[in-house]
Amino acid sequence: MDYFVWSANPIAFAFGSVHVFWYGILFAVAILSGLEFMKRVYRLEGKDENTIEMLFIYAIIGIVVGARLGHCLFYDPAYYLSHPLKIFAVWEGGLASHGGGIGVLIALYLGSKKYKIEFMWLIDRLVIPTALFGFFVRMGNFMNSEIVGKPTDVPWAIVFTRVDNLPRHPTQLYEAFSYLIIFFILTFVYKKYYQKLKYGFIFGLFLVLVFSVRFLVEFVKTKQADYTLGIGLNTGQLLSIPFLLLGVYLLLWAIKKSSDTSSNSSRR
């Protein structure tokens, strides 16, 4: 069987010794797209746009710092704890989405306190462009031929020649297009129901959808952690479970709050 062969150069263009990578371009597009989306949300709901850019800076710092620390501590702790200065070598690669999730929540909690914005209101809106952010980042991984899947003979397998000559699951694309679909689902839910939904519903839906995808894709993804757990689940799947449970809790909590409000209104 002839498989699609992927051998793209991760460098988009260069100015002398300065190289501009596709990953960096897509990362920048992700940030700008998210910022524009949130500006539209602020206009739609009559919020003060003056705070959004600073809050976005909080979010980006939280994502990058959290994702880097997550990669170092979740996937290769022995190496990074024995070489702590390597934690700062972001240019060598290594970002973990689970760590980025934790980092952005902490950063936005601090930002919401400083700018006196309801934390859950902010999170419910910001997770929507975060799904789009995930799409662009995974497309960047695809351009880098990294985070590849296990060898397979499925018809849509891809040969990543920068890795080897084996046909593999294109796990970056599985995640990328799943996140894009999730972005459209969340956008639809938000636009149609944002005035009625209780805080936490969109955030919960985001967690359930994104980490369900992540949990399932891990079955066909190559091993990322440099240690074994000795159980049937890998590190990425185990890290997804708490986020999934939190998402289910938030959905049930928001639905219950909505039900209680409806009951109180009907008794009046």
Foldseek 3Di string as FASTA:
>chain_A
DDAAEDAFDQFPDADVPRTDGLLNVLLVVLLVVLLVQVLVVCVVVVHDNPLSVVLSVLLVVLLQLQQLVCQCCLFEVVVCVVVVVCSPVCVVDGGHRLRSVVSNLVSNVVSCVVVVHDSLLVLLRSLLSVLVSLLSNLVSCVSVVPQWWAADDPRHFYQHVVVPRGGAHSLSNLLNVLSVVLSVVSVVCCVVDVVQFDRLQSQLSSLQSNLVSQLVSQVGTPRRHPDADPDPGHSSNVSSVVSNVSSVVSNVVRVVVSVVVVVVVVVD
